[in-house]
Amino acid sequence: MAIGASHKDPNTGYLQVFQYKDTDWVQIGDTIVGQCAKKCTGMHISLSKNGKVLVDGGEKEARIFQFKNNNWYQISEGFDFDGDSWLYKDGIGVSISGDGKVVAMGDTVKQFVKTTNIEALVL
């Protein structure tokens, strides 16, 4: 299970991943913290079925992480979506396939103004 707090410390946001072990939820890996203010890490999150690949969609940027050696490592440079900042206040919508090999990212606001901005990535 992944949990995000997109407007925390100061608006950089963070996310954490937990696994149920025995009778408790235990955090796996370090907390993923946003890189700078207004990126809103943890706004939209998608986790692969096996829990090893994670996609984070914040304001104007989406990043992909992989869990290995007991920690989370960013495996993408960050996918930037250009445009006016007000268009991205709701963040980049993200989804990942069950096997963690296909990621879809889309602008959640532009769909309402009759344009589409969707990207797919095969890992």
PDB file of N, CA and C in Angstrom:
ATOM      1  N   MET A   1       0.851  -1.153   0.000  1.00  0.00           N
ATOM      2  CA  MET A   1       0.000   0.000   0.000  1.00  0.00           C
ATOM      3  C   MET A   1       0.905   1.227   0.000  1.00  0.00           C
ATOM      4  N   ALA A   2       0.562   2.225  -0.822  1.00  0.00           N
ATOM      5  CA  ALA A   2       1.322   3.474  -0.882  1.00  0.00           C
ATOM      6  C   ALA A   2       0.441   4.617  -0.401  1.00  0.00           C
ATOM      7  N   ILE A   3       1.030   5.507   0.387  1.00  0.00           N
ATOM      8  CA  ILE A   3       0.316   6.656   0.937  1.00  0.00           C
ATOM      9  C   ILE A   3       1.109   7.912   0.620  1.00  0.00           C
ATOM     10  N   GLY A   4       0.416   8.954   0.148  1.00  0.00           N
ATOM     11  CA  GLY A   4       1.088  10.205  -0.171  1.00  0.00           C
ATOM     12  C   GLY A   4       0.523  11.376   0.605  1.00  0.00           C
ATOM     13  N   ALA A   5       1.373  12.367   0.836  1.00  0.00           N
ATOM     14  CA  ALA A   5       0.982  13.634   1.469  1.00  0.00           C
ATOM     15  C   ALA A   5       1.554  14.738   0.589  1.00  0.00           C
ATOM     16  N   SER A   6       0.780  15.168  -0.396  1.00  0.00           N
ATOM     17  CA  SER A   6       1.308  16.022  -1.461  1.00  0.00           C
ATOM     18  C   SER A   6       1.613  17.455  -1.069  1.00  0.00           C
ATOM     19  N   HIS A   7       1.067  17.968  -0.003  1.00  0.00           N
ATOM     20  CA  HIS A   7       1.303  19.370   0.346  1.00  0.00           C
ATOM     21  C   HIS A   7       2.037  19.516   1.672  1.00  0.00           C
ATOM     22  N   LYS A   8       2.885  18.572   1.986  1.00  0.00           N
ATOM     23  CA  LYS A   8       3.604  18.572   3.256  1.00  0.00           C
ATOM     24  C   LYS A   8       5.019  19.114   3.062  1.00  0.00           C
ATOM     25  N   ASP A   9       5.523  19.812   4.007  1.00  0.00           N
ATOM     26  CA  ASP A   9       6.941  20.211   4.187  1.00  0.00           C
ATOM     27  C   ASP A   9       7.640  20.865   3.015  1.00  0.00           C
ATOM     28  N   PRO A  10       7.658  22.056   2.775  1.00  0.00           N
ATOM     29  CA  PRO A  10       6.561  22.963   2.435  1.00  0.00           C
ATOM     30  C   PRO A  10       6.163  22.743   0.986  1.00  0.00           C
ATOM     31  N   ASN A  11       5.135  22.033   0.793  1.00  0.00           N
ATOM     32  CA  ASN A  11       4.556  21.712  -0.516  1.00  0.00           C
ATOM     33  C   ASN A  11       5.443  20.839  -1.400  1.00  0.00           C
ATOM     34  N   THR A  12       6.499  20.232  -0.858  1.00  0.00           N
ATOM     35  CA  THR A  12       7.272  19.293  -1.662  1.00  0.00           C
ATOM     36  C   THR A  12       6.574  17.946  -1.687  1.00  0.00           C
ATOM     37  N   GLY A  13       5.927  17.615  -0.587  1.00  0.00           N
ATOM     38  CA  GLY A  13       5.199  16.356  -0.478  1.00  0.00           C
ATOM     39  C   GLY A  13       6.127  15.172  -0.247  1.00  0.00           C
ATOM     40  N   TYR A  14       5.503  14.051   0.100  1.00  0.00           N
ATOM     41  CA  TYR A  14       6.259  12.815   0.262  1.00  0.00           C
ATOM     42  C   TYR A  14       5.317  11.641   0.086  1.00  0.00           C
ATOM     43  N   LEU A  15       5.893  10.450  -0.059  1.00  0.00           N
ATOM     44  CA  LEU A  15       5.086   9.237  -0.094  1.00  0.00           C
ATOM     45  C   LEU A  15       5.833   8.115   0.596  1.00  0.00           C
ATOM     46  N   GLN A  16       5.053   7.181   1.111  1.00  0.00           N
ATOM     47  CA  GLN A  16       5.591   6.027   1.824  1.00  0.00           C
ATOM     48  C   GLN A  16       4.860   4.774   1.355  1.00  0.00           C
ATOM     49  N   VAL A  17       5.575   3.655   1.355  1.00  0.00           N
ATOM     50  CA  VAL A  17       4.987   2.377   0.960  1.00  0.00           C
ATOM     51  C   VAL A  17       5.036   1.440   2.165  1.00  0.00           C
ATOM     52  N   PHE A  18       3.920   0.732   2.368  1.00  0.00           N
ATOM     53  CA  PHE A  18       3.794  -0.171   3.509  1.00  0.00           C
ATOM     54  C   PHE A  18       3.439  -1.579   3.032  1.00  0.00           C
ATOM     55  N   GLN A  19       3.884  -2.570   3.803  1.00  0.00           N
ATOM     56  CA  GLN A  19       3.572  -3.972   3.538  1.00  0.00           C
ATOM     57  C   GLN A  19       3.029  -4.582   4.827  1.00  0.00           C
ATOM     58  N   TYR A  20       1.990  -5.398   4.685  1.00  0.00           N
ATOM     59  CA  TYR A  20       1.406  -6.056   5.857  1.00  0.00           C
ATOM     60  C   TYR A  20       2.242  -7.276   6.215  1.00  0.00           C
ATOM     61  N   LYS A  21       2.802  -7.284   7.428  1.00  0.00           N
ATOM     62  CA  LYS A  21       3.610  -8.412   7.903  1.00  0.00           C
ATOM     63  C   LYS A  21       3.082  -8.853   9.254  1.00  0.00           C
ATOM     64  N   ASP A  22       2.723 -10.100   9.335  1.00  0.00           N
ATOM     65  CA  ASP A  22       2.172 -10.690  10.561  1.00  0.00           C
ATOM     66  C   ASP A  22       0.900  -9.958  10.983  1.00  0.00           C
ATOM     67  N   THR A  23       0.994  -9.021  11.901  1.00  0.00           N
ATOM     68  CA  THR A  23      -0.202  -8.316  12.376  1.00  0.00           C
ATOM     69  C   THR A  23      -0.111  -6.800  12.222  1.00  0.00           C
ATOM     70  N   ASP A  24       0.939  -6.306  11.558  1.00  0.00           N
ATOM     71  CA  ASP A  24       1.142  -4.857  11.446  1.00  0.00           C
ATOM     72  C   ASP A  24       1.508  -4.435  10.031  1.00  0.00           C
ATOM     73  N   TRP A  25       1.225  -3.168   9.726  1.00  0.00           N
ATOM     74  CA  TRP A  25       1.685  -2.550   8.491  1.00  0.00           C
ATOM     75  C   TRP A  25       3.062  -1.955   8.766  1.00  0.00           C
ATOM     76  N   VAL A  26       4.044  -2.346   7.967  1.00  0.00           N
ATOM     77  CA  VAL A  26       5.429  -1.923   8.161  1.00  0.00           C
ATOM     78  C   VAL A  26       5.890  -1.166   6.919  1.00  0.00           C
ATOM     79  N   GLN A  27       6.527  -0.009   7.128  1.00  0.00           N
ATOM     80  CA  GLN A  27       7.041   0.756   5.992  1.00  0.00           C
ATOM     81  C   GLN A  27       8.195   0.006   5.355  1.00  0.00           C
ATOM     82  N   ILE A  28       8.181  -0.054   4.009  1.00  0.00           N
ATOM     83  CA  ILE A  28       9.299  -0.663   3.292  1.00  0.00           C
ATOM     84  C   ILE A  28      10.046   0.446   2.559  1.00  0.00           C
ATOM     85  N   GLY A  29      11.350   0.430   2.672  1.00  0.00           N
ATOM     86  CA  GLY A  29      12.174   1.462   2.049  1.00  0.00           C
ATOM     87  C   GLY A  29      12.040   2.794   2.765  1.00  0.00           C
ATOM     88  N   ASP A  30      12.849   3.740   2.310  1.00  0.00           N
ATOM     89  CA  ASP A  30      12.811   5.086   2.872  1.00  0.00           C
ATOM     90  C   ASP A  30      11.601   5.848   2.358  1.00  0.00           C
ATOM     91  N   THR A  31      11.268   6.927   3.037  1.00  0.00           N
ATOM     92  CA  THR A  31      10.236   7.849   2.571  1.00  0.00           C
ATOM     93  C   THR A  31      10.749   8.557   1.323  1.00  0.00           C
ATOM     94  N   ILE A  32       9.920   8.630   0.293  1.00  0.00           N
ATOM     95  CA  ILE A  32      10.277   9.356  -0.931  1.00  0.00           C
ATOM     96  C   ILE A  32       9.808  10.790  -0.757  1.00  0.00           C
ATOM     97  N   VAL A  33      10.745  11.725  -0.814  1.00  0.00           N
ATOM     98  CA  VAL A  33      10.454  13.136  -0.571  1.00  0.00           C
ATOM     99  C   VAL A  33      10.528  13.897  -1.887  1.00  0.00           C
ATOM    100  N   GLY A  34       9.652  14.892  -2.039  1.00  0.00           N
ATOM    101  CA  GLY A  34       9.655  15.717  -3.241  1.00  0.00           C
ATOM    102  C   GLY A  34      10.964  16.462  -3.415  1.00  0.00           C
ATOM    103  N   GLN A  35      11.280  16.783  -4.672  1.00  0.00           N
ATOM    104  CA  GLN A  35      12.553  17.416  -4.984  1.00  0.00           C
ATOM    105  C   GLN A  35      12.549  18.920  -4.755  1.00  0.00           C
ATOM    106  N   CYS A  36      11.413  19.559  -4.898  1.00  0.00           N
ATOM    107  CA  CYS A  36      11.349  21.006  -4.691  1.00  0.00           C
ATOM    108  C   CYS A  36       9.898  21.410  -4.445  1.00  0.00           C
ATOM    109  N   ALA A  37       9.722  22.621  -3.959  1.00  0.00           N
ATOM    110  CA  ALA A  37       8.375  23.119  -3.651  1.00  0.00           C
ATOM    111  C   ALA A  37       7.503  23.111  -4.896  1.00  0.00           C
ATOM    112  N   LYS A  38       6.228  22.884  -4.688  1.00  0.00           N
ATOM    113  CA  LYS A  38       5.194  22.902  -5.723  1.00  0.00           C
ATOM    114  C   LYS A  38       5.223  21.696  -6.653  1.00  0.00           C
ATOM    115  N   LYS A  39       6.088  20.714  -6.446  1.00  0.00           N
ATOM    116  CA  LYS A  39       6.053  19.497  -7.263  1.00  0.00           C
ATOM    117  C   LYS A  39       4.998  18.533  -6.736  1.00  0.00           C
ATOM    118  N   CYS A  40       4.678  18.633  -5.457  1.00  0.00           N
ATOM    119  CA  CYS A  40       3.591  17.873  -4.828  1.00  0.00           C
ATOM    120  C   CYS A  40       3.727  16.362  -4.991  1.00  0.00           C
ATOM    121  N   THR A  41       4.880  15.841  -4.613  1.00  0.00           N
ATOM    122  CA  THR A  41       5.084  14.395  -4.593  1.00  0.00           C
ATOM    123  C   THR A  41       3.991  13.747  -3.746  1.00  0.00           C
ATOM    124  N   GLY A  42       3.469  12.624  -4.219  1.00  0.00           N
ATOM    125  CA  GLY A  42       2.443  11.899  -3.481  1.00  0.00           C
ATOM    126  C   GLY A  42       1.025  12.279  -3.843  1.00  0.00           C
ATOM    127  N   MET A  43       0.838  13.146  -4.847  1.00  0.00           N
ATOM    128  CA  MET A  43      -0.508  13.578  -5.227  1.00  0.00           C
ATOM    129  C   MET A  43      -1.283  12.441  -5.891  1.00  0.00           C
ATOM    130  N   HIS A  44      -0.663  11.797  -6.877  1.00  0.00           N
ATOM    131  CA  HIS A  44      -1.257  10.636  -7.551  1.00  0.00           C
ATOM    132  C   HIS A  44      -0.220   9.520  -7.523  1.00  0.00           C
ATOM    133  N   ILE A  45      -0.629   8.340  -7.079  1.00  0.00           N
ATOM    134  CA  ILE A  45       0.299   7.219  -6.911  1.00  0.00           C
ATOM    135  C   ILE A  45      -0.309   5.966  -7.523  1.00  0.00           C
ATOM    136  N   SER A  46       0.538   5.173  -8.170  1.00  0.00           N
ATOM    137  CA  SER A  46       0.112   3.866  -8.648  1.00  0.00           C
ATOM    138  C   SER A  46       1.237   2.874  -8.363  1.00  0.00           C
ATOM    139  N   LEU A  47       0.878   1.721  -7.834  1.00  0.00           N
ATOM    140  CA  LEU A  47       1.841   0.709  -7.413  1.00  0.00           C
ATOM    141  C   LEU A  47       1.577  -0.578  -8.185  1.00  0.00           C
ATOM    142  N   SER A  48       2.639  -1.204  -8.702  1.00  0.00           N
ATOM    143  CA  SER A  48       2.473  -2.466  -9.426  1.00  0.00           C
ATOM    144  C   SER A  48       1.944  -3.545  -8.484  1.00  0.00           C
ATOM    145  N   LYS A  49       1.410  -4.608  -9.070  1.00  0.00           N
ATOM    146  CA  LYS A  49       0.797  -5.677  -8.273  1.00  0.00           C
ATOM    147  C   LYS A  49       1.778  -6.300  -7.281  1.00  0.00           C
ATOM    148  N   ASN A  50       3.037  -6.468  -7.693  1.00  0.00           N
ATOM    149  CA  ASN A  50       4.017  -7.074  -6.788  1.00  0.00           C
ATOM    150  C   ASN A  50       4.639  -6.054  -5.828  1.00  0.00           C
ATOM    151  N   GLY A  51       4.264  -4.779  -5.953  1.00  0.00           N
ATOM    152  CA  GLY A  51       4.750  -3.749  -5.047  1.00  0.00           C
ATOM    153  C   GLY A  51       6.178  -3.310  -5.279  1.00  0.00           C
ATOM    154  N   LYS A  52       6.742  -3.631  -6.445  1.00  0.00           N
ATOM    155  CA  LYS A  52       8.153  -3.321  -6.707  1.00  0.00           C
ATOM    156  C   LYS A  52       8.364  -2.088  -7.580  1.00  0.00           C
ATOM    157  N   VAL A  53       7.329  -1.634  -8.271  1.00  0.00           N
ATOM    158  CA  VAL A  53       7.446  -0.447  -9.124  1.00  0.00           C
ATOM    159  C   VAL A  53       6.342   0.528  -8.735  1.00  0.00           C
ATOM    160  N   LEU A  54       6.716   1.780  -8.595  1.00  0.00           N
ATOM    161  CA  LEU A  54       5.823   2.825  -8.109  1.00  0.00           C
ATOM    162  C   LEU A  54       5.899   4.023  -9.043  1.00  0.00           C
ATOM    163  N   VAL A  55       4.738   4.584  -9.381  1.00  0.00           N
ATOM    164  CA  VAL A  55       4.692   5.805 -10.189  1.00  0.00           C
ATOM    165  C   VAL A  55       4.091   6.908  -9.338  1.00  0.00           C
ATOM    166  N   ASP A  56       4.744   8.064  -9.356  1.00  0.00           N
ATOM    167  CA  ASP A  56       4.292   9.226  -8.598  1.00  0.00           C
ATOM    168  C   ASP A  56       3.988  10.354  -9.574  1.00  0.00           C
ATOM    169  N   GLY A  57       2.759  10.848  -9.563  1.00  0.00           N
ATOM    170  CA  GLY A  57       2.372  11.974 -10.414  1.00  0.00           C
ATOM    171  C   GLY A  57       2.079  13.197  -9.578  1.00  0.00           C
ATOM    172  N   GLY A  58       2.929  14.189  -9.671  1.00  0.00           N
ATOM    173  CA  GLY A  58       2.736  15.447  -8.949  1.00  0.00           C
ATOM    174  C   GLY A  58       2.342  16.545  -9.916  1.00  0.00           C
ATOM    175  N   GLU A  59       2.560  17.788  -9.527  1.00  0.00           N
ATOM    176  CA  GLU A  59       2.259  18.903 -10.421  1.00  0.00           C
ATOM    177  C   GLU A  59       3.331  18.989 -11.495  1.00  0.00           C
ATOM    178  N   LYS A  60       2.926  18.870 -12.748  1.00  0.00           N
ATOM    179  CA  LYS A  60       3.778  19.027 -13.926  1.00  0.00           C
ATOM    180  C   LYS A  60       4.853  17.964 -14.084  1.00  0.00           C
ATOM    181  N   GLU A  61       4.893  16.938 -13.238  1.00  0.00           N
ATOM    182  CA  GLU A  61       5.954  15.944 -13.352  1.00  0.00           C
ATOM    183  C   GLU A  61       5.489  14.589 -12.831  1.00  0.00           C
ATOM    184  N   ALA A  62       5.952  13.535 -13.486  1.00  0.00           N
ATOM    185  CA  ALA A  62       5.722  12.169 -13.010  1.00  0.00           C
ATOM    186  C   ALA A  62       7.075  11.471 -12.929  1.00  0.00           C
ATOM    187  N   ARG A  63       7.257  10.662 -11.878  1.00  0.00           N
ATOM    188  CA  ARG A  63       8.516   9.929 -11.695  1.00  0.00           C
ATOM    189  C   ARG A  63       8.213   8.461 -11.418  1.00  0.00           C
ATOM    190  N   ILE A  64       9.143   7.589 -11.821  1.00  0.00           N
ATOM    191  CA  ILE A  64       8.994   6.149 -11.629  1.00  0.00           C
ATOM    192  C   ILE A  64      10.101   5.666 -10.693  1.00  0.00           C
ATOM    193  N   PHE A  65       9.715   4.830  -9.719  1.00  0.00           N
ATOM    194  CA  PHE A  65      10.656   4.283  -8.743  1.00  0.00           C
ATOM    195  C   PHE A  65      10.577   2.761  -8.757  1.00  0.00           C
ATOM    196  N   GLN A  66      11.699   2.114  -8.446  1.00  0.00           N
ATOM    197  CA  GLN A  66      11.743   0.658  -8.324  1.00  0.00           C
ATOM    198  C   GLN A  66      12.305   0.306  -6.946  1.00  0.00           C
ATOM    199  N   PHE A  67      11.719  -0.731  -6.337  1.00  0.00           N
ATOM    200  CA  PHE A  67      12.172  -1.191  -5.024  1.00  0.00           C
ATOM    201  C   PHE A  67      13.187  -2.303  -5.215  1.00  0.00           C
ATOM    202  N   LYS A  68      14.418  -2.069  -4.741  1.00  0.00           N
ATOM    203  CA  LYS A  68      15.440  -3.109  -4.775  1.00  0.00           C
ATOM    204  C   LYS A  68      16.435  -2.839  -3.656  1.00  0.00           C
ATOM    205  N   ASN A  69      17.047  -3.887  -3.161  1.00  0.00           N
ATOM    206  CA  ASN A  69      17.998  -3.778  -2.048  1.00  0.00           C
ATOM    207  C   ASN A  69      17.398  -3.012  -0.871  1.00  0.00           C
ATOM    208  N   ASN A  70      16.124  -3.276  -0.598  1.00  0.00           N
ATOM    209  CA  ASN A  70      15.404  -2.691   0.543  1.00  0.00           C
ATOM    210  C   ASN A  70      15.250  -1.178   0.504  1.00  0.00           C
ATOM    211  N   ASN A  71      15.242  -0.599  -0.698  1.00  0.00           N
ATOM    212  CA  ASN A  71      15.012   0.835  -0.801  1.00  0.00           C
ATOM    213  C   ASN A  71      14.397   1.182  -2.152  1.00  0.00           C
ATOM    214  N   TRP A  72      13.880   2.409  -2.270  1.00  0.00           N
ATOM    215  CA  TRP A  72      13.277   2.912  -3.498  1.00  0.00           C
ATOM    216  C   TRP A  72      14.302   3.725  -4.283  1.00  0.00           C
ATOM    217  N   TYR A  73      14.425   3.425  -5.579  1.00  0.00           N
ATOM    218  CA  TYR A  73      15.355   4.139  -6.453  1.00  0.00           C
ATOM    219  C   TYR A  73      14.584   4.680  -7.647  1.00  0.00           C
ATOM    220  N   GLN A  74      14.826   5.934  -7.969  1.00  0.00           N
ATOM    221  CA  GLN A  74      14.173   6.538  -9.128  1.00  0.00           C
ATOM    222  C   GLN A  74      14.796   5.956 -10.384  1.00  0.00           C
ATOM    223  N   ILE A  75      13.974   5.408 -11.272  1.00  0.00           N
ATOM    224  CA  ILE A  75      14.481   4.790 -12.499  1.00  0.00           C
ATOM    225  C   ILE A  75      14.106   5.594 -13.731  1.00  0.00           C
ATOM    226  N   SER A  76      13.545   6.774 -13.530  1.00  0.00           N
ATOM    227  CA  SER A  76      13.247   7.668 -14.647  1.00  0.00           C
ATOM    228  C   SER A  76      13.794   9.040 -14.310  1.00  0.00           C
ATOM    229  N   GLU A  77      14.058   9.827 -15.328  1.00  0.00           N
ATOM    230  CA  GLU A  77      14.557  11.184 -15.121  1.00  0.00           C
ATOM    231  C   GLU A  77      13.458  12.124 -14.666  1.00  0.00           C
ATOM    232  N   GLY A  78      12.228  11.724 -14.815  1.00  0.00           N
ATOM    233  CA  GLY A  78      11.088  12.612 -14.533  1.00  0.00           C
ATOM    234  C   GLY A  78      10.476  13.006 -15.862  1.00  0.00           C
ATOM    235  N   PHE A  79       9.193  12.875 -15.980  1.00  0.00           N
ATOM    236  CA  PHE A  79       8.489  13.214 -17.206  1.00  0.00           C
ATOM    237  C   PHE A  79       7.799  14.541 -16.975  1.00  0.00           C
ATOM    238  N   ASP A  80       8.293  15.581 -17.630  1.00  0.00           N
ATOM    239  CA  ASP A  80       7.746  16.922 -17.448  1.00  0.00           C
ATOM    240  C   ASP A  80       6.606  17.157 -18.426  1.00  0.00           C
ATOM    241  N   PHE A  81       5.543  17.774 -17.940  1.00  0.00           N
ATOM    242  CA  PHE A  81       4.426  18.183 -18.769  1.00  0.00           C
ATOM    243  C   PHE A  81       4.461  19.699 -18.841  1.00  0.00           C
ATOM    244  N   ASP A  82       4.620  20.245 -20.045  1.00  0.00           N
ATOM    245  CA  ASP A  82       4.722  21.690 -20.216  1.00  0.00           C
ATOM    246  C   ASP A  82       3.347  22.332 -20.183  1.00  0.00           C
ATOM    247  N   GLY A  83       3.332  23.620 -19.879  1.00  0.00           N
ATOM    248  CA  GLY A  83       2.076  24.362 -19.895  1.00  0.00           C
ATOM    249  C   GLY A  83       1.948  25.293 -18.719  1.00  0.00           C
ATOM    250  N   ASP A  84       0.835  25.990 -18.667  1.00  0.00           N
ATOM    251  CA  ASP A  84       0.581  26.928 -17.581  1.00  0.00           C
ATOM    252  C   ASP A  84       0.383  26.174 -16.276  1.00  0.00           C
ATOM    253  N   SER A  85       0.964  26.713 -15.208  1.00  0.00           N
ATOM    254  CA  SER A  85       0.931  26.006 -13.930  1.00  0.00           C
ATOM    255  C   SER A  85      -0.479  25.779 -13.407  1.00  0.00           C
ATOM    256  N   TRP A  86      -1.413  26.671 -13.698  1.00  0.00           N
ATOM    257  CA  TRP A  86      -2.769  26.475 -13.173  1.00  0.00           C
ATOM    258  C   TRP A  86      -3.421  25.241 -13.768  1.00  0.00           C
ATOM    259  N   LEU A  87      -3.001  24.833 -14.964  1.00  0.00           N
ATOM    260  CA  LEU A  87      -3.583  23.646 -15.591  1.00  0.00           C
ATOM    261  C   LEU A  87      -3.215  22.369 -14.846  1.00  0.00           C
ATOM    262  N   TYR A  88      -2.123  22.403 -14.095  1.00  0.00           N
ATOM    263  CA  TYR A  88      -1.609  21.191 -13.477  1.00  0.00           C
ATOM    264  C   TYR A  88      -1.825  21.141 -11.972  1.00  0.00           C
ATOM    265  N   LYS A  89      -2.652  22.010 -11.432  1.00  0.00           N
ATOM    266  CA  LYS A  89      -2.833  22.047  -9.984  1.00  0.00           C
ATOM    267  C   LYS A  89      -3.411  20.747  -9.439  1.00  0.00           C
ATOM    268  N   ASP A  90      -4.069  19.967 -10.280  1.00  0.00           N
ATOM    269  CA  ASP A  90      -4.615  18.680  -9.850  1.00  0.00           C
ATOM    270  C   ASP A  90      -3.636  17.535 -10.067  1.00  0.00           C
ATOM    271  N   GLY A  91      -2.480  17.822 -10.628  1.00  0.00           N
ATOM    272  CA  GLY A  91      -1.433  16.821 -10.784  1.00  0.00           C
ATOM    273  C   GLY A  91      -1.558  15.985 -12.043  1.00  0.00           C
ATOM    274  N   ILE A  92      -0.543  15.175 -12.261  1.00  0.00           N
ATOM    275  CA  ILE A  92      -0.479  14.279 -13.405  1.00  0.00           C
ATOM    276  C   ILE A  92      -1.086  12.943 -12.979  1.00  0.00           C
ATOM    277  N   GLY A  93      -2.129  12.513 -13.688  1.00  0.00           N
ATOM    278  CA  GLY A  93      -2.727  11.213 -13.401  1.00  0.00           C
ATOM    279  C   GLY A  93      -1.788  10.103 -13.847  1.00  0.00           C
ATOM    280  N   VAL A  94      -1.629   9.072 -13.040  1.00  0.00           N
ATOM    281  CA  VAL A  94      -0.715   7.982 -13.364  1.00  0.00           C
ATOM    282  C   VAL A  94      -1.380   6.633 -13.119  1.00  0.00           C
ATOM    283  N   SER A  95      -0.936   5.646 -13.892  1.00  0.00           N
ATOM    284  CA  SER A  95      -1.396   4.277 -13.705  1.00  0.00           C
ATOM    285  C   SER A  95      -0.282   3.344 -14.165  1.00  0.00           C
ATOM    286  N   ILE A  96      -0.192   2.185 -13.528  1.00  0.00           N
ATOM    287  CA  ILE A  96       0.838   1.213 -13.892  1.00  0.00           C
ATOM    288  C   ILE A  96       0.181  -0.154 -14.055  1.00  0.00           C
ATOM    289  N   SER A  97       0.707  -0.945 -14.984  1.00  0.00           N
ATOM    290  CA  SER A  97       0.173  -2.291 -15.184  1.00  0.00           C
ATOM    291  C   SER A  97       0.540  -3.173 -13.994  1.00  0.00           C
ATOM    292  N   GLY A  98      -0.166  -4.276 -13.856  1.00  0.00           N
ATOM    293  CA  GLY A  98       0.074  -5.189 -12.742  1.00  0.00           C
ATOM    294  C   GLY A  98       1.500  -5.700 -12.684  1.00  0.00           C
ATOM    295  N   ASP A  99       2.111  -5.948 -13.859  1.00  0.00           N
ATOM    296  CA  ASP A  99       3.482  -6.461 -13.870  1.00  0.00           C
ATOM    297  C   ASP A  99       4.529  -5.355 -13.768  1.00  0.00           C
ATOM    298  N   GLY A 100       4.089  -4.088 -13.736  1.00  0.00           N
ATOM    299  CA  GLY A 100       5.010  -2.969 -13.580  1.00  0.00           C
ATOM    300  C   GLY A 100       5.799  -2.609 -14.814  1.00  0.00           C
ATOM    301  N   LYS A 101       5.394  -3.112 -15.992  1.00  0.00           N
ATOM    302  CA  LYS A 101       6.164  -2.863 -17.208  1.00  0.00           C
ATOM    303  C   LYS A 101       5.596  -1.773 -18.099  1.00  0.00           C
ATOM    304  N   VAL A 102       4.350  -1.376 -17.867  1.00  0.00           N
ATOM    305  CA  VAL A 102       3.737  -0.315 -18.669  1.00  0.00           C
ATOM    306  C   VAL A 102       3.180   0.747 -17.734  1.00  0.00           C
ATOM    307  N   VAL A 103       3.527   1.991 -18.022  1.00  0.00           N
ATOM    308  CA  VAL A 103       3.083   3.125 -17.221  1.00  0.00           C
ATOM    309  C   VAL A 103       2.339   4.086 -18.129  1.00  0.00           C
ATOM    310  N   ALA A 104       1.204   4.589 -17.668  1.00  0.00           N
ATOM    311  CA  ALA A 104       0.461   5.612 -18.406  1.00  0.00           C
ATOM    312  C   ALA A 104       0.393   6.868 -17.548  1.00  0.00           C
ATOM    313  N   MET A 105       0.565   8.016 -18.204  1.00  0.00           N
ATOM    314  CA  MET A 105       0.516   9.301 -17.510  1.00  0.00           C
ATOM    315  C   MET A 105      -0.350  10.239 -18.320  1.00  0.00           C
ATOM    316  N   GLY A 106      -1.158  11.029 -17.663  1.00  0.00           N
ATOM    317  CA  GLY A 106      -2.004  11.965 -18.391  1.00  0.00           C
ATOM    318  C   GLY A 106      -2.314  13.203 -17.585  1.00  0.00           C
ATOM    319  N   ASP A 107      -2.525  14.280 -18.292  1.00  0.00           N
ATOM    320  CA  ASP A 107      -2.900  15.546 -17.673  1.00  0.00           C
ATOM    321  C   ASP A 107      -4.367  15.460 -17.295  1.00  0.00           C
ATOM    322  N   THR A 108      -4.681  15.631 -16.027  1.00  0.00           N
ATOM    323  CA  THR A 108      -6.053  15.453 -15.560  1.00  0.00           C
ATOM    324  C   THR A 108      -6.964  16.614 -15.904  1.00  0.00           C
ATOM    325  N   VAL A 109      -6.422  17.778 -16.216  1.00  0.00           N
ATOM    326  CA  VAL A 109      -7.252  18.959 -16.458  1.00  0.00           C
ATOM    327  C   VAL A 109      -7.539  19.169 -17.935  1.00  0.00           C
ATOM    328  N   LYS A 110      -6.562  18.965 -18.800  1.00  0.00           N
ATOM    329  CA  LYS A 110      -6.753  19.264 -20.213  1.00  0.00           C
ATOM    330  C   LYS A 110      -7.864  18.440 -20.843  1.00  0.00           C
ATOM    331  N   GLN A 111      -8.191  17.306 -20.258  1.00  0.00           N
ATOM    332  CA  GLN A 111      -9.284  16.506 -20.793  1.00  0.00           C
ATOM    333  C   GLN A 111     -10.591  17.292 -20.779  1.00  0.00           C
ATOM    334  N   PHE A 112     -10.727  18.205 -19.834  1.00  0.00           N
ATOM    335  CA  PHE A 112     -11.949  18.991 -19.732  1.00  0.00           C
ATOM    336  C   PHE A 112     -12.013  20.126 -20.747  1.00  0.00           C
ATOM    337  N   VAL A 113     -10.873  20.450 -21.355  1.00  0.00           N
ATOM    338  CA  VAL A 113     -10.879  21.495 -22.376  1.00  0.00           C
ATOM    339  C   VAL A 113     -10.695  20.890 -23.767  1.00  0.00           C
ATOM    340  N   LYS A 114     -11.090  19.659 -23.901  1.00  0.00           N
ATOM    341  CA  LYS A 114     -11.193  18.940 -25.166  1.00  0.00           C
ATOM    342  C   LYS A 114      -9.860  18.680 -25.870  1.00  0.00           C
ATOM    343  N   THR A 115      -8.767  18.597 -25.120  1.00  0.00           N
ATOM    344  CA  THR A 115      -7.512  18.141 -25.705  1.00  0.00           C
ATOM    345  C   THR A 115      -7.008  16.986 -24.861  1.00  0.00           C
ATOM    346  N   THR A 116      -6.131  16.217 -25.429  1.00  0.00           N
ATOM    347  CA  THR A 116      -5.611  15.064 -24.713  1.00  0.00           C
ATOM    348  C   THR A 116      -4.094  15.154 -24.646  1.00  0.00           C
ATOM    349  N   ASN A 117      -3.554  14.840 -23.501  1.00  0.00           N
ATOM    350  CA  ASN A 117      -2.112  14.811 -23.325  1.00  0.00           C
ATOM    351  C   ASN A 117      -1.797  13.563 -22.515  1.00  0.00           C
ATOM    352  N   ILE A 118      -1.621  12.455 -23.190  1.00  0.00           N
ATOM    353  CA  ILE A 118      -1.388  11.176 -22.526  1.00  0.00           C
ATOM    354  C   ILE A 118      -0.106  10.573 -23.083  1.00  0.00           C
ATOM    355  N   GLU A 119       0.717  10.022 -22.212  1.00  0.00           N
ATOM    356  CA  GLU A 119       1.927   9.347 -22.638  1.00  0.00           C
ATOM    357  C   GLU A 119       1.935   7.953 -22.042  1.00  0.00           C
ATOM    358  N   ALA A 120       2.523   7.022 -22.754  1.00  0.00           N
ATOM    359  CA  ALA A 120       2.691   5.676 -22.219  1.00  0.00           C
ATOM    360  C   ALA A 120       4.155   5.303 -22.322  1.00  0.00           C
ATOM    361  N   LEU A 121       4.616   4.526 -21.405  1.00  0.00           N
ATOM    362  CA  LEU A 121       6.015   4.121 -21.362  1.00  0.00           C
ATOM    363  C   LEU A 121       6.061   2.635 -21.088  1.00  0.00           C
ATOM    364  N   VAL A 122       6.834   1.918 -21.883  1.00  0.00           N
ATOM    365  CA  VAL A 122       7.034   0.495 -21.657  1.00  0.00           C
ATOM    366  C   VAL A 122       8.412   0.326 -21.041  1.00  0.00           C
ATOM    367  N   LEU A 123       8.467  -0.266 -19.850  1.00  0.00           N
ATOM    368  CA  LEU A 123       9.746  -0.446 -19.141  1.00  0.00           C
ATOM    369  C   LEU A 123      10.438  -1.714 -19.580  1.00  0.00           C
TER     370      LEU A 123
END
